[in-house]
Amino acid sequence: MENELWKKVYQLVRQIAKGKTLKRATYTDADIIITYLWAVLHDRPVYWACQKYNWPIYYRRKPLPNPSTMTRRLRSSGVQKLMQEIENSLIHRFPRSVCRWIDGKPLPVGGSSKDKHSAFGFGASCIAKGYKLYAVGDDNQGFVCWTIRPMNHSEPAAAVELIERFGQ
């Protein structure tokens, strides 16, 4: 099952990224995303996916980016745009269900974290420091739209923002 899913994901990324290359880059945006998705599919950190022995034998011939390259390139606008195109492609492959839901999930960080963007707010029945994932879900399409905000961001304001973004 996992192998079939990987083949479909691999083909989709290659199909959408076709013809999109960077000048003077050793790895294409598709290579970065494929390496990242390999880690996500196996619920492992990105540096794990940068090691050849964690890949099947038939994928080991191609050189893999190192973790610092992955960290830098995953933040680049080209990779972010390509990931958004892949996400939109997957969403539009399935019909919309009758009902959609909006929810927020707290993502706490440690209390001693020096993260300047995290904030204190209501988590799961307590006050915590961190972020909240706000998402619009659909039974057929999965997460249609999502955003991450500091924990003190209000849920009604995030809901209005998400509804305006997907415009339905």
N, C-alpha and C. Protein backbone atom coordinates (compact mmCIF):
# COMPACT_ATOMS: atom_id res chain seq x y z
N MET A 1 0.83 -1.20 0.00
CA MET A 1 0.00 0.00 0.00
C MET A 1 0.87 1.26 0.00
N GLU A 2 1.86 1.29 0.89
CA GLU A 2 2.72 2.46 1.00
C GLU A 2 3.53 2.67 -0.28
N ASN A 3 3.95 1.58 -0.89
CA ASN A 3 4.73 1.66 -2.13
C ASN A 3 3.88 2.22 -3.27
N GLU A 4 2.60 1.83 -3.33
CA GLU A 4 1.69 2.34 -4.36
C GLU A 4 1.44 3.83 -4.16
N LEU A 5 1.25 4.23 -2.92
CA LEU A 5 1.04 5.65 -2.61
C LEU A 5 2.27 6.46 -3.02
N TRP A 6 3.46 5.94 -2.69
CA TRP A 6 4.69 6.66 -3.02
C TRP A 6 4.84 6.83 -4.53
N LYS A 7 4.53 5.80 -5.29
CA LYS A 7 4.65 5.90 -6.76
C LYS A 7 3.72 6.98 -7.31
N LYS A 8 2.52 7.06 -6.78
CA LYS A 8 1.58 8.08 -7.24
C LYS A 8 2.04 9.49 -6.84
N VAL A 9 2.53 9.63 -5.62
CA VAL A 9 3.03 10.93 -5.16
C VAL A 9 4.23 11.35 -6.01
N TYR A 10 5.13 10.43 -6.25
CA TYR A 10 6.33 10.71 -7.04
C TYR A 10 5.95 11.17 -8.46
N GLN A 11 5.02 10.45 -9.09
CA GLN A 11 4.58 10.81 -10.44
C GLN A 11 3.89 12.17 -10.45
N LEU A 12 3.07 12.46 -9.45
CA LEU A 12 2.37 13.74 -9.38
C LEU A 12 3.36 14.89 -9.26
N VAL A 13 4.34 14.76 -8.38
CA VAL A 13 5.34 15.83 -8.20
C VAL A 13 6.11 16.04 -9.48
N ARG A 14 6.56 14.96 -10.11
CA ARG A 14 7.32 15.09 -11.36
C ARG A 14 6.47 15.71 -12.48
N GLN A 15 5.19 15.35 -12.53
CA GLN A 15 4.30 15.89 -13.56
C GLN A 15 4.07 17.39 -13.37
N ILE A 16 3.80 17.82 -12.16
CA ILE A 16 3.53 19.24 -11.90
C ILE A 16 4.80 20.07 -12.02
N ALA A 17 5.94 19.50 -11.64
CA ALA A 17 7.20 20.25 -11.65
C ALA A 17 7.90 20.21 -13.01
N LYS A 18 7.33 19.55 -13.97
CA LYS A 18 7.97 19.41 -15.29
C LYS A 18 8.22 20.78 -15.92
N GLY A 19 9.45 20.99 -16.32
CA GLY A 19 9.83 22.25 -16.98
C GLY A 19 10.17 23.37 -16.03
N LYS A 20 10.05 23.15 -14.74
CA LYS A 20 10.39 24.19 -13.76
C LYS A 20 11.75 23.87 -13.16
N THR A 21 12.77 24.55 -13.62
CA THR A 21 14.12 24.30 -13.12
C THR A 21 14.75 25.59 -12.64
N LEU A 22 15.75 25.45 -11.81
CA LEU A 22 16.51 26.60 -11.32
C LEU A 22 17.85 26.65 -12.02
N LYS A 23 18.32 27.84 -12.26
CA LYS A 23 19.66 27.98 -12.82
C LYS A 23 20.67 27.79 -11.71
N ARG A 24 21.74 27.15 -12.01
CA ARG A 24 22.86 26.92 -11.10
C ARG A 24 22.47 26.18 -9.83
N ALA A 25 21.45 25.36 -9.86
CA ALA A 25 21.06 24.58 -8.69
C ALA A 25 21.39 23.11 -8.93
N THR A 26 21.96 22.47 -7.96
CA THR A 26 22.30 21.06 -8.08
C THR A 26 21.04 20.20 -8.05
N TYR A 27 20.06 20.60 -7.24
CA TYR A 27 18.82 19.84 -7.08
C TYR A 27 17.65 20.70 -7.51
N THR A 28 16.72 20.10 -8.23
CA THR A 28 15.53 20.82 -8.65
C THR A 28 14.57 20.96 -7.46
N ASP A 29 13.58 21.83 -7.63
CA ASP A 29 12.55 21.97 -6.60
C ASP A 29 11.82 20.64 -6.38
N ALA A 30 11.62 19.88 -7.47
CA ALA A 30 10.96 18.58 -7.36
C ALA A 30 11.80 17.62 -6.52
N ASP A 31 13.12 17.64 -6.68
CA ASP A 31 13.99 16.78 -5.86
C ASP A 31 13.85 17.11 -4.38
N ILE A 32 13.79 18.39 -4.06
CA ILE A 32 13.64 18.82 -2.67
C ILE A 32 12.31 18.35 -2.11
N ILE A 33 11.24 18.54 -2.87
CA ILE A 33 9.91 18.16 -2.40
C ILE A 33 9.79 16.65 -2.27
N ILE A 34 10.36 15.90 -3.21
CA ILE A 34 10.29 14.44 -3.13
C ILE A 34 11.03 13.94 -1.90
N THR A 35 12.18 14.50 -1.61
CA THR A 35 12.92 14.10 -0.41
C THR A 35 12.13 14.45 0.84
N TYR A 36 11.52 15.62 0.85
CA TYR A 36 10.71 16.04 2.00
C TYR A 36 9.50 15.11 2.17
N LEU A 37 8.81 14.79 1.09
CA LEU A 37 7.63 13.94 1.17
C LEU A 37 7.99 12.51 1.58
N TRP A 38 9.20 12.05 1.23
CA TRP A 38 9.66 10.73 1.67
C TRP A 38 9.74 10.71 3.21
N ALA A 39 10.26 11.78 3.79
CA ALA A 39 10.34 11.88 5.24
C ALA A 39 8.94 11.95 5.85
N VAL A 40 8.05 12.73 5.26
CA VAL A 40 6.69 12.88 5.78
C VAL A 40 5.94 11.55 5.71
N LEU A 41 6.06 10.85 4.60
CA LEU A 41 5.36 9.58 4.41
C LEU A 41 5.79 8.55 5.45
N HIS A 42 7.05 8.61 5.85
CA HIS A 42 7.55 7.65 6.83
C HIS A 42 7.59 8.20 8.25
N ASP A 43 7.05 9.41 8.44
CA ASP A 43 6.97 10.04 9.76
C ASP A 43 8.35 10.12 10.41
N ARG A 44 9.30 10.64 9.63
CA ARG A 44 10.68 10.78 10.07
C ARG A 44 11.15 12.21 9.85
N PRO A 45 12.25 12.62 10.49
CA PRO A 45 12.79 13.96 10.25
C PRO A 45 13.42 14.06 8.86
N VAL A 46 13.60 15.26 8.39
CA VAL A 46 14.13 15.50 7.04
C VAL A 46 15.54 14.94 6.90
N TYR A 47 16.38 15.07 7.93
CA TYR A 47 17.74 14.57 7.79
C TYR A 47 17.76 13.06 7.56
N TRP A 48 16.74 12.33 8.03
CA TRP A 48 16.63 10.90 7.81
C TRP A 48 16.46 10.61 6.32
N ALA A 49 15.66 11.43 5.65
CA ALA A 49 15.41 11.23 4.22
C ALA A 49 16.62 11.60 3.37
N CYS A 50 17.58 12.29 3.93
CA CYS A 50 18.79 12.68 3.19
C CYS A 50 19.85 11.59 3.21
N GLN A 51 19.57 10.46 3.80
CA GLN A 51 20.53 9.36 3.86
C GLN A 51 20.09 8.26 2.92
N LYS A 52 20.99 7.86 2.03
CA LYS A 52 20.65 6.90 0.97
C LYS A 52 20.14 5.56 1.48
N TYR A 53 20.66 5.08 2.60
CA TYR A 53 20.25 3.75 3.05
C TYR A 53 18.82 3.71 3.58
N ASN A 54 18.15 4.86 3.67
CA ASN A 54 16.75 4.90 4.07
C ASN A 54 15.80 4.88 2.87
N TRP A 55 16.33 4.77 1.68
CA TRP A 55 15.55 4.73 0.45
C TRP A 55 15.60 3.33 -0.14
N PRO A 56 14.59 2.96 -0.93
CA PRO A 56 14.65 1.67 -1.62
C PRO A 56 15.84 1.66 -2.60
N ILE A 57 16.31 0.49 -2.94
CA ILE A 57 17.51 0.35 -3.77
C ILE A 57 17.36 1.06 -5.12
N TYR A 58 16.19 1.00 -5.72
CA TYR A 58 16.01 1.60 -7.05
C TYR A 58 15.98 3.13 -7.02
N TYR A 59 15.93 3.77 -5.83
CA TYR A 59 16.01 5.23 -5.73
C TYR A 59 17.39 5.71 -5.27
N ARG A 60 18.28 4.80 -4.93
CA ARG A 60 19.56 5.17 -4.36
C ARG A 60 20.58 5.68 -5.37
N ARG A 61 20.34 5.47 -6.64
CA ARG A 61 21.31 5.91 -7.65
C ARG A 61 21.43 7.42 -7.74
N LYS A 62 20.35 8.11 -7.49
CA LYS A 62 20.34 9.56 -7.60
C LYS A 62 20.91 10.20 -6.33
N PRO A 63 21.76 11.23 -6.48
CA PRO A 63 22.28 11.88 -5.27
C PRO A 63 21.18 12.62 -4.51
N LEU A 64 21.30 12.61 -3.19
CA LEU A 64 20.31 13.26 -2.34
C LEU A 64 20.87 14.56 -1.77
N PRO A 65 20.00 15.56 -1.57
CA PRO A 65 20.47 16.81 -0.95
C PRO A 65 20.84 16.58 0.51
N ASN A 66 21.73 17.40 1.02
CA ASN A 66 22.07 17.28 2.44
C ASN A 66 21.05 18.08 3.27
N PRO A 67 21.00 17.84 4.58
CA PRO A 67 19.97 18.49 5.41
C PRO A 67 20.00 20.01 5.38
N SER A 68 21.19 20.62 5.29
CA SER A 68 21.23 22.08 5.26
C SER A 68 20.65 22.63 3.96
N THR A 69 20.87 21.92 2.87
CA THR A 69 20.26 22.31 1.59
C THR A 69 18.74 22.20 1.68
N MET A 70 18.27 21.12 2.29
CA MET A 70 16.83 20.92 2.44
C MET A 70 16.21 22.06 3.27
N THR A 71 16.85 22.40 4.38
CA THR A 71 16.32 23.46 5.24
C THR A 71 16.23 24.78 4.50
N ARG A 72 17.26 25.12 3.76
CA ARG A 72 17.30 26.39 3.03
C ARG A 72 16.29 26.39 1.89
N ARG A 73 16.25 25.32 1.10
CA ARG A 73 15.40 25.29 -0.09
C ARG A 73 13.93 25.11 0.24
N LEU A 74 13.60 24.44 1.35
CA LEU A 74 12.19 24.29 1.70
C LEU A 74 11.54 25.63 2.02
N ARG A 75 12.33 26.61 2.41
CA ARG A 75 11.80 27.95 2.69
C ARG A 75 11.74 28.82 1.46
N SER A 76 12.32 28.39 0.35
CA SER A 76 12.37 29.24 -0.85
C SER A 76 10.98 29.38 -1.47
N SER A 77 10.77 30.48 -2.16
CA SER A 77 9.45 30.75 -2.74
C SER A 77 9.11 29.76 -3.85
N GLY A 78 10.09 29.30 -4.61
CA GLY A 78 9.82 28.34 -5.68
C GLY A 78 9.30 27.02 -5.15
N VAL A 79 9.92 26.52 -4.10
CA VAL A 79 9.49 25.26 -3.50
C VAL A 79 8.12 25.44 -2.84
N GLN A 80 7.91 26.55 -2.15
CA GLN A 80 6.62 26.80 -1.51
C GLN A 80 5.50 26.88 -2.56
N LYS A 81 5.78 27.54 -3.67
CA LYS A 81 4.77 27.67 -4.73
C LYS A 81 4.46 26.30 -5.35
N LEU A 82 5.49 25.49 -5.57
CA LEU A 82 5.28 24.16 -6.13
C LEU A 82 4.50 23.28 -5.16
N MET A 83 4.79 23.37 -3.88
CA MET A 83 4.03 22.60 -2.89
C MET A 83 2.56 23.03 -2.87
N GLN A 84 2.31 24.32 -3.03
CA GLN A 84 0.93 24.81 -3.09
C GLN A 84 0.22 24.27 -4.33
N GLU A 85 0.91 24.23 -5.46
CA GLU A 85 0.32 23.67 -6.69
C GLU A 85 -0.01 22.19 -6.51
N ILE A 86 0.86 21.45 -5.87
CA ILE A 86 0.62 20.03 -5.62
C ILE A 86 -0.59 19.86 -4.71
N GLU A 87 -0.66 20.66 -3.65
CA GLU A 87 -1.78 20.59 -2.72
C GLU A 87 -3.09 20.91 -3.43
N ASN A 88 -3.11 21.97 -4.25
CA ASN A 88 -4.32 22.33 -4.99
C ASN A 88 -4.71 21.25 -5.98
N SER A 89 -3.73 20.64 -6.62
CA SER A 89 -4.01 19.56 -7.57
C SER A 89 -4.69 18.39 -6.87
N LEU A 90 -4.23 18.05 -5.69
CA LEU A 90 -4.83 16.94 -4.96
C LEU A 90 -6.23 17.28 -4.47
N ILE A 91 -6.43 18.52 -4.04
CA ILE A 91 -7.75 18.92 -3.56
C ILE A 91 -8.78 18.85 -4.67
N HIS A 92 -8.41 19.29 -5.87
CA HIS A 92 -9.37 19.36 -6.97
C HIS A 92 -9.59 18.02 -7.67
N ARG A 93 -8.91 16.99 -7.27
CA ARG A 93 -9.13 15.66 -7.85
C ARG A 93 -10.37 14.98 -7.27
N PHE A 94 -10.85 15.47 -6.14
CA PHE A 94 -11.98 14.84 -5.47
C PHE A 94 -13.14 15.82 -5.39
N PRO A 95 -14.38 15.31 -5.45
CA PRO A 95 -15.54 16.21 -5.37
C PRO A 95 -15.70 16.78 -3.96
N ARG A 96 -16.26 17.96 -3.90
CA ARG A 96 -16.51 18.61 -2.61
C ARG A 96 -17.66 17.92 -1.90
N SER A 97 -17.55 17.75 -0.60
CA SER A 97 -18.66 17.15 0.17
C SER A 97 -19.67 18.23 0.52
N VAL A 98 -20.79 17.83 1.05
CA VAL A 98 -21.87 18.75 1.38
C VAL A 98 -21.49 19.67 2.53
N CYS A 99 -20.72 19.16 3.47
CA CYS A 99 -20.41 19.91 4.68
C CYS A 99 -18.90 20.03 4.87
N ARG A 100 -18.46 21.20 5.27
CA ARG A 100 -17.07 21.43 5.62
C ARG A 100 -17.02 21.88 7.07
N TRP A 101 -15.88 21.69 7.72
CA TRP A 101 -15.74 22.07 9.11
C TRP A 101 -14.48 22.90 9.30
N ILE A 102 -14.51 23.74 10.33
CA ILE A 102 -13.37 24.59 10.67
C ILE A 102 -12.99 24.29 12.12
N ASP A 103 -11.70 24.13 12.37
CA ASP A 103 -11.26 23.85 13.73
C ASP A 103 -9.85 24.38 13.94
N GLY A 104 -9.47 24.52 15.19
CA GLY A 104 -8.13 24.94 15.55
C GLY A 104 -7.48 23.89 16.44
N LYS A 105 -6.22 23.63 16.23
CA LYS A 105 -5.49 22.66 17.06
C LYS A 105 -4.26 23.34 17.64
N PRO A 106 -4.10 23.32 18.96
CA PRO A 106 -2.93 23.95 19.57
C PRO A 106 -1.66 23.16 19.26
N LEU A 107 -0.59 23.89 19.03
CA LEU A 107 0.74 23.31 18.80
C LEU A 107 1.69 23.95 19.81
N PRO A 108 1.71 23.43 21.04
CA PRO A 108 2.52 24.08 22.06
C PRO A 108 4.02 23.87 21.85
N VAL A 109 4.80 24.84 22.29
CA VAL A 109 6.25 24.72 22.31
C VAL A 109 6.66 24.75 23.78
N GLY A 110 7.90 24.44 24.07
CA GLY A 110 8.36 24.44 25.46
C GLY A 110 8.31 25.82 26.08
N GLY A 111 8.10 25.88 27.36
CA GLY A 111 8.01 27.16 28.05
C GLY A 111 9.29 27.97 28.02
N SER A 112 10.41 27.31 27.85
CA SER A 112 11.68 28.03 27.81
C SER A 112 12.11 28.37 26.39
N SER A 113 11.23 28.19 25.43
CA SER A 113 11.55 28.48 24.03
C SER A 113 11.79 29.98 23.84
N LYS A 114 12.76 30.31 23.02
CA LYS A 114 13.09 31.70 22.72
C LYS A 114 12.42 32.17 21.43
N ASP A 115 11.46 31.39 20.94
CA ASP A 115 10.76 31.72 19.70
C ASP A 115 10.00 33.03 19.86
N LYS A 116 10.35 34.03 19.05
CA LYS A 116 9.74 35.36 19.17
C LYS A 116 8.32 35.41 18.63
N HIS A 117 7.97 34.48 17.75
CA HIS A 117 6.67 34.54 17.11
C HIS A 117 5.59 33.77 17.87
N SER A 118 5.99 32.86 18.75
CA SER A 118 5.00 32.13 19.51
C SER A 118 4.43 33.04 20.60
N ALA A 119 3.25 32.67 21.08
CA ALA A 119 2.59 33.51 22.09
C ALA A 119 1.79 32.62 23.04
N PHE A 120 1.43 33.16 24.20
CA PHE A 120 0.61 32.45 25.16
C PHE A 120 -0.86 32.59 24.78
N GLY A 121 -1.59 31.51 24.92
CA GLY A 121 -3.02 31.53 24.62
C GLY A 121 -3.66 30.25 25.12
N PHE A 122 -4.95 30.07 24.83
CA PHE A 122 -5.67 28.90 25.29
C PHE A 122 -5.34 27.70 24.41
N GLY A 123 -4.81 26.65 25.04
CA GLY A 123 -4.55 25.39 24.36
C GLY A 123 -5.67 24.42 24.70
N ALA A 124 -5.34 23.18 24.86
CA ALA A 124 -6.33 22.16 25.22
C ALA A 124 -6.56 22.24 26.73
N SER A 125 -7.56 22.96 27.14
CA SER A 125 -7.99 23.16 28.52
C SER A 125 -6.91 23.75 29.44
N CYS A 126 -5.97 24.48 28.86
CA CYS A 126 -4.96 25.15 29.67
C CYS A 126 -4.35 26.30 28.85
N ILE A 127 -3.60 27.13 29.51
CA ILE A 127 -2.90 28.20 28.81
C ILE A 127 -1.51 27.67 28.45
N ALA A 128 -1.15 27.82 27.19
CA ALA A 128 0.12 27.29 26.71
C ALA A 128 0.79 28.31 25.80
N LYS A 129 2.07 28.11 25.57
CA LYS A 129 2.82 28.96 24.66
C LYS A 129 3.03 28.18 23.37
N GLY A 130 2.82 28.85 22.23
CA GLY A 130 3.04 28.17 20.97
C GLY A 130 2.21 28.75 19.84
N TYR A 131 1.71 27.87 19.00
CA TYR A 131 0.96 28.23 17.81
C TYR A 131 -0.33 27.45 17.76
N LYS A 132 -1.20 27.83 16.83
CA LYS A 132 -2.41 27.07 16.57
C LYS A 132 -2.54 26.85 15.07
N LEU A 133 -2.90 25.63 14.72
CA LEU A 133 -3.20 25.29 13.34
C LEU A 133 -4.69 25.46 13.17
N TYR A 134 -5.09 26.34 12.27
CA TYR A 134 -6.50 26.55 11.95
C TYR A 134 -6.72 25.97 10.57
N ALA A 135 -7.73 25.10 10.42
CA ALA A 135 -7.93 24.41 9.16
C ALA A 135 -9.41 24.30 8.80
N VAL A 136 -9.66 24.31 7.49
CA VAL A 136 -10.97 24.02 6.94
C VAL A 136 -10.88 22.63 6.35
N GLY A 137 -11.69 21.72 6.87
CA GLY A 137 -11.63 20.33 6.42
C GLY A 137 -12.86 19.94 5.63
N ASP A 138 -12.68 18.97 4.77
CA ASP A 138 -13.73 18.42 3.93
C ASP A 138 -13.56 16.90 3.97
N ASP A 139 -14.66 16.16 4.12
CA ASP A 139 -14.55 14.70 4.21
C ASP A 139 -13.95 14.07 2.96
N ASN A 140 -14.20 14.64 1.80
CA ASN A 140 -13.68 14.08 0.55
C ASN A 140 -12.33 14.66 0.16
N GLN A 141 -12.13 15.95 0.38
CA GLN A 141 -10.94 16.64 -0.12
C GLN A 141 -9.84 16.79 0.92
N GLY A 142 -10.08 16.46 2.16
CA GLY A 142 -9.08 16.65 3.21
C GLY A 142 -9.05 18.11 3.66
N PHE A 143 -7.87 18.60 4.02
CA PHE A 143 -7.76 20.00 4.41
C PHE A 143 -7.79 20.87 3.15
N VAL A 144 -8.80 21.70 3.06
CA VAL A 144 -8.98 22.56 1.89
C VAL A 144 -8.14 23.82 2.02
N CYS A 145 -8.07 24.34 3.23
CA CYS A 145 -7.37 25.59 3.49
C CYS A 145 -6.89 25.56 4.93
N TRP A 146 -5.69 26.08 5.19
CA TRP A 146 -5.18 26.07 6.55
C TRP A 146 -4.20 27.22 6.75
N THR A 147 -3.98 27.55 8.02
CA THR A 147 -3.02 28.57 8.38
C THR A 147 -2.51 28.28 9.79
N ILE A 148 -1.33 28.79 10.08
CA ILE A 148 -0.76 28.66 11.43
C ILE A 148 -0.55 30.06 11.97
N ARG A 149 -1.06 30.31 13.15
CA ARG A 149 -0.97 31.61 13.81
C ARG A 149 -0.47 31.41 15.24
N PRO A 150 -0.03 32.49 15.90
CA PRO A 150 0.34 32.37 17.32
C PRO A 150 -0.87 31.93 18.15
N MET A 151 -0.61 31.32 19.27
CA MET A 151 -1.66 30.75 20.11
C MET A 151 -2.68 31.79 20.57
N ASN A 152 -2.29 33.05 20.68
CA ASN A 152 -3.22 34.07 21.17
C ASN A 152 -4.13 34.63 20.08
N HIS A 153 -4.00 34.16 18.85
CA HIS A 153 -4.86 34.61 17.75
C HIS A 153 -6.26 34.04 17.97
N SER A 154 -7.28 34.85 17.79
CA SER A 154 -8.64 34.40 18.08
C SER A 154 -9.17 33.45 17.01
N GLU A 155 -9.89 32.43 17.46
CA GLU A 155 -10.44 31.45 16.52
C GLU A 155 -11.49 32.05 15.59
N PRO A 156 -12.41 32.91 16.06
CA PRO A 156 -13.36 33.51 15.12
C PRO A 156 -12.68 34.34 14.02
N ALA A 157 -11.63 35.08 14.38
CA ALA A 157 -10.91 35.87 13.38
C ALA A 157 -10.21 34.96 12.37
N ALA A 158 -9.65 33.85 12.84
CA ALA A 158 -9.00 32.90 11.93
C ALA A 158 -10.03 32.25 11.01
N ALA A 159 -11.23 31.96 11.55
CA ALA A 159 -12.28 31.35 10.73
C ALA A 159 -12.72 32.29 9.61
N VAL A 160 -12.89 33.57 9.93
CA VAL A 160 -13.27 34.55 8.92
C VAL A 160 -12.18 34.64 7.84
N GLU A 161 -10.93 34.66 8.27
CA GLU A 161 -9.81 34.74 7.33
C GLU A 161 -9.77 33.52 6.40
N LEU A 162 -10.00 32.32 6.95
CA LEU A 162 -9.98 31.11 6.13
C LEU A 162 -11.15 31.06 5.16
N ILE A 163 -12.32 31.46 5.61
CA ILE A 163 -13.50 31.48 4.73
C ILE A 163 -13.30 32.45 3.59
N GLU A 164 -12.71 33.61 3.86
CA GLU A 164 -12.44 34.57 2.80
C GLU A 164 -11.40 34.04 1.82
N ARG A 165 -10.43 33.28 2.32
CA ARG A 165 -9.37 32.78 1.47
C ARG A 165 -9.86 31.77 0.44
N PHE A 166 -10.69 30.81 0.87
CA PHE A 166 -11.16 29.84 -0.11
C PHE A 166 -12.45 30.26 -0.77
N GLY A 167 -13.05 31.33 -0.32
CA GLY A 167 -14.13 32.00 -0.99
C GLY A 167 -15.38 31.20 -1.26
N GLN A 168 -15.78 30.34 -0.34
CA GLN A 168 -17.00 29.56 -0.56
C GLN A 168 -17.81 29.51 0.69
